[in-house]
Amino acid sequence: MVPATQKRFWPKRDKLIKLLEANNLLNIKDADKVWQFLLKKYSYSTIRNHFADFRAAINMAIDLDKYEGKNI
């Protein structure tokens, strides 16, 4: 990843993860609650962009056998 991309996008993702963690919503089982919570703070398109990046990272972890959870 290009350093400029890291500086631009990673802090936003880190902020979102910390926000979810602080509100006890950092669990795959709470996906519906996460969506409702985030819609109170962010626009739909902002959330969609974050989730697209998270989905790509999760899919990569699954492909590399690094995800130890269960698919639900």
Protein backbone atom coordinates (compact mmCIF):
# COMPACT_ATOMS: atom_id res chain seq x y z
CA MET A 1 0.00 0.00 0.00
CA VAL A 2 1.23 3.47 -0.84
CA PRO A 3 2.25 5.51 2.24
CA ALA A 4 -0.11 8.35 1.25
CA THR A 5 -2.98 5.85 1.17
CA GLN A 6 -2.05 4.61 4.64
CA LYS A 7 -2.06 8.14 6.02
CA ARG A 8 -5.38 8.91 4.36
CA PHE A 9 -7.42 5.79 5.10
CA TRP A 10 -5.99 3.89 8.06
CA PRO A 11 -6.68 6.56 10.70
CA LYS A 12 -10.34 6.65 9.65
CA ARG A 13 -10.65 2.86 9.95
CA ASP A 14 -8.84 2.89 13.30
CA LYS A 15 -11.20 5.59 14.59
CA LEU A 16 -14.24 3.56 13.54
CA ILE A 17 -12.90 0.39 15.18
CA LYS A 18 -12.18 2.25 18.43
CA LEU A 19 -15.68 3.75 18.39
CA LEU A 20 -17.26 0.32 17.98
CA GLU A 21 -15.01 -1.18 20.63
CA ALA A 22 -15.87 1.58 23.11
CA ASN A 23 -19.56 0.81 22.60
CA ASN A 24 -19.16 -2.98 22.89
CA LEU A 25 -20.12 -3.46 19.24
CA LEU A 26 -16.96 -5.06 17.91
CA ASN A 27 -18.50 -8.49 17.44
CA ILE A 28 -19.67 -10.09 14.21
CA LYS A 29 -22.88 -11.16 15.93
CA ASP A 30 -23.77 -7.50 16.48
CA ALA A 31 -23.66 -6.54 12.79
CA ASP A 32 -27.26 -5.31 12.78
CA LYS A 33 -26.65 -3.19 15.89
CA VAL A 34 -23.42 -1.84 14.40
CA TRP A 35 -25.22 -0.69 11.28
CA GLN A 36 -27.93 1.14 13.26
CA PHE A 37 -25.37 2.70 15.60
CA LEU A 38 -23.19 3.96 12.76
CA LEU A 39 -26.13 5.40 10.80
CA LYS A 40 -26.63 7.81 13.71
CA LYS A 41 -23.10 9.14 13.24
CA TYR A 42 -22.17 8.67 9.56
CA SER A 43 -23.76 8.77 6.15
CA TYR A 44 -24.71 5.56 4.37
CA SER A 45 -21.95 6.00 1.78
CA THR A 46 -19.28 6.50 4.45
CA ILE A 47 -20.33 3.33 6.24
CA ARG A 48 -20.50 1.42 2.96
CA ASN A 49 -16.92 2.44 2.12
CA HIS A 50 -15.61 1.37 5.53
CA PHE A 51 -17.44 -1.95 5.35
CA ALA A 52 -16.14 -2.65 1.85
CA ASP A 53 -12.58 -2.36 3.17
CA PHE A 54 -13.35 -4.47 6.23
CA ARG A 55 -15.01 -7.11 4.06
CA ALA A 56 -11.94 -7.31 1.84
CA ALA A 57 -9.68 -7.73 4.87
CA ILE A 58 -11.92 -10.40 6.40
CA ASN A 59 -12.12 -12.30 3.12
CA MET A 60 -8.34 -12.23 2.85
CA ALA A 61 -8.01 -13.56 6.40
CA ILE A 62 -10.42 -16.39 5.56
CA ASP A 63 -8.55 -17.20 2.34
CA LEU A 64 -5.26 -17.33 4.25
CA ASP A 65 -6.78 -19.53 7.00
CA LYS A 66 -6.14 -16.79 9.56
CA TYR A 67 -9.77 -16.42 10.64
CA GLU A 68 -10.58 -18.82 13.46
CA GLY A 69 -14.24 -17.91 13.90
CA LYS A 70 -17.29 -19.55 12.47
CA ASN A 71 -19.03 -18.40 9.32
CA ILE A 72 -22.56 -17.33 10.22
